[in-house]
Amino acid sequence: MSRPGRSTWLADDAATRALGYALAHALDDGDVVALCGPLGAGKTTLAQGFAKGLDVPPNVRVRSPTFTLCNEVQGRRLLLHMDLYRLGSEDEAEALGFRERVGHDGVALVEWADRFPGLLPHHAIWISLEHEGAGRRVTVWEAEGGDPRWIDAISLPGSGGGTPWTACTHTGPWAD
């Protein structure tokens, strides 16, 4: 199933962090961001900007939770930064309490969400990051039900950081 979304090209890590920062200001408690893309595409970089947008103290390093599976950091709201890369199955994620944690308190950022899209709530916002030239292509899709409040609230990072958003509709990695 296709959903409406938007796509842009970001020049560098600073532009990716700026996008994460803007997104953090557009979301509320209970929102879930499903991040997907290959290694090194910028998922954790976006999470760093997101944490800054939530006013996570600058002395707290935001790192990939590949080995810890979930990092919790507190800013003006709780950030659950999760990673599904090392999990072998949805059952393993369930046993670790994934569904009980995601979509309730705070905002959840889930890296490698495309490994087990059936775990994510239907209201998840999907973001794909892909290598493209010297930068990256970012595609964002509306949550099921078409609530565009968040996508209309994000703006492109500072001058030279990206190209204008273009509308797109194509199939994403979520389970319908």
Protein backbone atom coordinates (compact mmCIF):
# COMPACT_ATOMS: atom_id res chain seq x y z
CA MET A 1 0.00 0.00 0.00
CA SER A 2 1.24 3.48 -0.86
CA ARG A 3 0.99 6.51 1.37
CA PRO A 4 1.62 10.15 0.56
CA GLY A 5 4.97 11.45 1.60
CA ARG A 6 7.73 13.88 0.79
CA SER A 7 11.31 13.46 -0.28
CA THR A 8 14.39 15.67 -0.25
CA TRP A 9 18.15 15.49 -0.62
CA LEU A 10 20.35 16.52 2.32
CA ALA A 11 23.92 17.62 1.74
CA ASP A 12 25.59 16.44 4.93
CA ASP A 13 25.36 15.34 8.57
CA ALA A 14 24.61 18.88 9.75
CA ALA A 15 21.55 19.03 7.49
CA THR A 16 20.44 15.61 8.74
CA ARG A 17 20.78 16.70 12.37
CA ALA A 18 18.83 19.88 11.58
CA LEU A 19 16.01 17.78 10.12
CA GLY A 20 15.96 15.64 13.29
CA TYR A 21 15.86 18.83 15.39
CA ALA A 22 12.85 20.16 13.44
CA LEU A 23 11.07 16.81 13.66
CA ALA A 24 11.51 16.71 17.45
CA HIS A 25 9.61 19.99 17.70
CA ALA A 26 6.72 18.60 15.65
CA LEU A 27 6.02 15.40 17.61
CA ASP A 28 4.28 14.60 20.89
CA ASP A 29 4.35 11.92 23.57
CA GLY A 30 3.31 8.57 22.13
CA ASP A 31 4.62 9.31 18.63
CA VAL A 32 6.85 6.72 16.98
CA VAL A 33 9.42 7.34 14.24
CA ALA A 34 10.41 4.26 12.25
CA LEU A 35 13.86 4.78 10.70
CA CYS A 36 15.18 2.62 7.89
CA GLY A 37 18.11 2.65 5.52
CA PRO A 38 21.47 0.94 5.03
CA LEU A 39 24.46 1.15 7.36
CA GLY A 40 25.86 4.66 7.55
CA ALA A 41 22.83 6.30 5.90
CA GLY A 42 22.27 8.71 8.79
CA LYS A 43 19.74 7.10 11.16
CA THR A 44 21.79 7.81 14.28
CA THR A 45 22.79 11.23 12.94
CA LEU A 46 19.10 12.13 12.63
CA ALA A 47 18.57 10.79 16.18
CA GLN A 48 21.31 13.13 17.46
CA GLY A 49 19.51 16.14 16.01
CA PHE A 50 16.22 14.82 17.39
CA ALA A 51 17.72 14.58 20.89
CA LYS A 52 18.98 18.15 20.64
CA GLY A 53 15.47 19.23 19.60
CA LEU A 54 14.12 17.58 22.76
CA ASP A 55 16.63 19.54 24.87
CA VAL A 56 18.59 16.46 25.90
CA PRO A 57 21.59 17.84 27.83
CA PRO A 58 24.63 18.34 25.57
CA ASN A 59 26.80 16.14 27.81
CA VAL A 60 24.58 13.12 26.95
CA ARG A 61 26.02 11.35 23.90
CA VAL A 62 23.46 9.92 21.53
CA ARG A 63 24.89 6.72 20.10
CA SER A 64 23.47 3.89 18.08
CA PRO A 65 21.71 1.47 20.44
CA THR A 66 22.78 -1.53 18.35
CA PHE A 67 24.26 -3.36 21.34
CA THR A 68 22.10 -1.94 24.13
CA LEU A 69 18.87 -2.27 22.05
CA CYS A 70 17.28 0.74 23.81
CA ASN A 71 18.77 3.95 25.12
CA GLU A 72 16.54 6.19 27.22
CA VAL A 73 17.39 9.85 27.49
CA GLN A 74 15.39 12.59 29.14
CA GLY A 75 14.92 16.03 27.66
CA ARG A 76 11.70 18.01 27.73
CA ARG A 77 10.15 14.61 27.06
CA LEU A 78 11.49 11.06 27.22
CA LEU A 79 13.31 9.75 24.14
CA LEU A 80 13.41 5.99 23.59
CA HIS A 81 16.11 5.36 20.98
CA MET A 82 15.78 1.74 19.89
CA ASP A 83 17.49 -0.54 17.39
CA LEU A 84 16.15 -3.76 15.86
CA TYR A 85 19.30 -4.63 13.87
CA ARG A 86 20.58 -7.44 16.12
CA LEU A 87 17.22 -9.02 16.91
CA GLY A 88 16.44 -12.31 15.19
CA SER A 89 12.66 -12.20 15.23
CA GLU A 90 9.56 -10.28 16.23
CA ASP A 91 9.13 -12.80 19.05
CA GLU A 92 12.52 -11.78 20.48
CA ALA A 93 11.50 -8.12 20.40
CA GLU A 94 8.18 -9.01 22.05
CA ALA A 95 10.00 -10.91 24.81
CA LEU A 96 12.09 -7.79 25.48
CA GLY A 97 8.90 -5.73 25.94
CA PHE A 98 9.04 -3.76 22.69
CA ARG A 99 5.26 -3.21 22.33
CA GLU A 100 4.89 -2.21 25.98
CA ARG A 101 7.49 0.54 25.55
CA VAL A 102 6.76 1.96 22.10
CA GLY A 103 3.96 4.43 21.42
CA HIS A 104 3.15 5.31 25.01
CA ASP A 105 5.43 7.50 27.13
CA GLY A 106 7.79 9.85 25.36
CA VAL A 107 8.77 9.62 21.71
CA ALA A 108 10.31 6.47 20.24
CA LEU A 109 12.90 6.46 17.45
CA VAL A 110 13.31 2.93 16.12
CA GLU A 111 16.32 2.24 13.91
CA TRP A 112 16.12 -0.69 11.49
CA ALA A 113 12.33 -0.66 11.85
CA ASP A 114 12.00 -2.26 8.41
CA ARG A 115 13.37 -5.54 9.82
CA PHE A 116 10.09 -6.12 11.70
CA PRO A 117 7.53 -3.57 10.46
CA GLY A 118 4.69 -5.53 12.06
CA LEU A 119 5.96 -4.49 15.49
CA LEU A 120 5.39 -0.81 14.86
CA PRO A 121 2.06 0.84 15.69
CA HIS A 122 -0.04 1.98 12.75
CA HIS A 123 0.48 5.60 13.72
CA ALA A 124 4.26 5.31 13.21
CA ILE A 125 5.93 7.87 10.98
CA TRP A 126 8.29 6.20 8.52
CA ILE A 127 11.55 7.82 7.43
CA SER A 128 13.91 6.26 4.93
CA LEU A 129 17.48 7.51 4.57
CA GLU A 130 19.53 6.40 1.56
CA HIS A 131 23.03 7.27 0.33
CA GLU A 132 22.83 9.54 -2.71
CA GLY A 133 25.93 11.14 -4.13
CA ALA A 134 27.81 13.06 -1.44
CA GLY A 135 24.66 13.36 0.68
CA ARG A 136 21.53 11.38 1.37
CA ARG A 137 17.97 11.07 0.11
CA VAL A 138 15.36 11.32 2.86
CA THR A 139 11.78 10.18 2.32
CA VAL A 140 9.12 10.71 4.98
CA TRP A 141 5.63 9.21 4.96
CA GLU A 142 2.52 10.27 6.81
CA ALA A 143 1.27 8.06 9.57
CA GLU A 144 -1.73 5.85 8.81
CA GLY A 145 -4.83 7.98 8.82
CA GLY A 146 -3.03 10.81 7.04
CA ASP A 147 -2.27 13.11 10.00
CA PRO A 148 0.08 15.54 8.24
CA ARG A 149 0.67 17.86 11.23
CA TRP A 150 4.24 16.70 11.67
CA ILE A 151 5.24 16.74 8.01
CA ASP A 152 3.87 20.25 7.54
CA ALA A 153 5.81 21.42 10.62
CA ILE A 154 9.25 20.29 9.46
CA SER A 155 11.23 22.64 7.30
CA LEU A 156 14.42 22.10 5.44
CA PRO A 157 17.65 22.72 7.30
CA GLY A 158 19.52 26.01 6.83
CA SER A 159 20.64 27.40 3.51
CA GLY A 160 22.39 24.92 1.28
CA GLY A 161 21.39 22.02 3.53
CA GLY A 162 18.92 20.41 1.21
CA THR A 163 16.67 20.68 -1.79
CA PRO A 164 12.97 21.55 -1.63
CA TRP A 165 10.58 18.82 -0.52
CA THR A 166 8.83 17.06 -3.37
CA ALA A 167 5.61 15.09 -3.01
CA CYS A 168 5.89 11.35 -3.54
CA THR A 169 3.71 8.31 -3.20
CA HIS A 170 5.36 4.92 -3.13
CA THR A 171 5.29 1.78 -1.14
CA GLY A 172 7.14 1.87 2.16
CA PRO A 173 8.48 -0.96 4.32
CA TRP A 174 5.55 -1.05 6.77
CA ALA A 175 3.14 -3.92 7.14
CA ASP A 176 -0.47 -3.16 6.21
